[in-house]
C-alpha atoms as a PDB file:
ATOM      1  CA  UNK A   1     109.538  28.258  51.944  1.00  0.00           C
ATOM      2  CA  UNK A   2     108.227  29.485  55.526  1.00  0.00           C
ATOM      3  CA  UNK A   3     109.496  32.895  56.834  1.00  0.00           C
ATOM      4  CA  UNK A   4     112.800  31.978  57.812  1.00  0.00           C
ATOM      5  CA  UNK A   5     112.852  28.437  56.817  1.00  0.00           C
ATOM      6  CA  UNK A   6     113.110  26.372  53.387  1.00  0.00           C
ATOM      7  CA  UNK A   7     113.335  23.119  51.679  1.00  0.00           C
ATOM      8  CA  UNK A   8     115.427  22.521  48.793  1.00  0.00           C
ATOM      9  CA  UNK A   9     116.796  19.525  46.877  1.00  0.00           C
ATOM     10  CA  UNK A  10     118.540  18.726  43.805  1.00  0.00           C
ATOM     11  CA  UNK A  11     120.418  16.435  41.631  1.00  0.00           C
ATOM     12  CA  UNK A  12     123.844  15.503  41.615  1.00  0.00           C
ATOM     13  CA  UNK A  13     126.785  13.608  40.559  1.00  0.00           C
ATOM     14  CA  UNK A  14     130.164  13.411  42.746  1.00  0.00           C
ATOM     15  CA  UNK A  15     133.210  11.188  41.341  1.00  0.00           C
ATOM     16  CA  UNK A  16     135.748   9.368  44.148  1.00  0.00           C
ATOM     17  CA  UNK A  17     139.082   8.597  42.924  1.00  0.00           C
ATOM     18  CA  UNK A  18     140.761   5.878  45.195  1.00  0.00           C
ATOM     19  CA  UNK A  19     143.718   3.842  43.304  1.00  0.00           C
ATOM     20  CA  UNK A  20     142.728   0.141  44.502  1.00  0.00           C
ATOM     21  CA  UNK A  21     144.772  -3.213  42.982  1.00  0.00           C
ATOM     22  CA  UNK A  22     141.903  -3.670  40.389  1.00  0.00           C
ATOM     23  CA  UNK A  23     142.074  -0.509  38.472  1.00  0.00           C
ATOM     24  CA  UNK A  24     139.012   0.679  38.536  1.00  0.00           C
ATOM     25  CA  UNK A  25     140.080   3.817  40.821  1.00  0.00           C
ATOM     26  CA  UNK A  26     137.411   5.941  39.626  1.00  0.00           C
ATOM     27  CA  UNK A  27     133.566   5.608  41.412  1.00  0.00           C
ATOM     28  CA  UNK A  28     130.493   7.470  40.404  1.00  0.00           C
ATOM     29  CA  UNK A  29     127.453   8.364  42.788  1.00  0.00           C
ATOM     30  CA  UNK A  30     124.346   9.686  41.085  1.00  0.00           C
ATOM     31  CA  UNK A  31     121.977  10.941  43.419  1.00  0.00           C
ATOM     32  CA  UNK A  32     119.404  13.983  44.798  1.00  0.00           C
ATOM     33  CA  UNK A  33     119.880  15.490  48.099  1.00  0.00           C
ATOM     34  CA  UNK A  34     117.541  17.249  50.467  1.00  0.00           C
ATOM     35  CA  UNK A  35     118.634  20.133  52.359  1.00  0.00           C
ATOM     36  CA  UNK A  36     116.886  22.491  54.853  1.00  0.00           C
ATOM     37  CA  UNK A  37     118.444  25.761  55.194  1.00  0.00           C
ATOM     38  CA  UNK A  38     117.764  28.506  58.268  1.00  0.00           C
ATOM     39  CA  UNK A  39     118.086  32.158  58.015  1.00  0.00           C
ATOM     40  CA  UNK A  40     119.915  33.456  61.113  1.00  0.00           C
ATOM     41  CA  UNK A  41     121.089  37.711  60.804  1.00  0.00           C
ATOM     42  CA  UNK A  42     120.139  37.658  56.877  1.00  0.00           C
ATOM     43  CA  UNK A  43     122.056  34.327  56.335  1.00  0.00           C
ATOM     44  CA  UNK A  44     121.058  31.015  54.956  1.00  0.00           C
ATOM     45  CA  UNK A  45     122.371  28.433  56.644  1.00  0.00           C
ATOM     46  CA  UNK A  46     122.190  24.603  55.625  1.00  0.00           C
ATOM     47  CA  UNK A  47     121.275  22.854  58.820  1.00  0.00           C
ATOM     48  CA  UNK A  48     119.980  19.550  57.561  1.00  0.00           C
ATOM     49  CA  UNK A  49     121.663  17.293  54.698  1.00  0.00           C
ATOM     50  CA  UNK A  50     120.497  13.817  53.508  1.00  0.00           C
ATOM     51  CA  UNK A  51     121.850  11.872  50.188  1.00  0.00           C
ATOM     52  CA  UNK A  52     118.945   9.689  48.639  1.00  0.00           C
END
């Protein structure tokens, strides 16, 4: 973190449901995310977001 900017990362999983003819309706995504935040008027906002 530097002044009004910060770099963050986290690990996450996401389950997506989409019915299809094969019956394999759920896909699981696992990965990490990088975020860049900027503070404007005492409120932190995400201004960059990347899924790795």
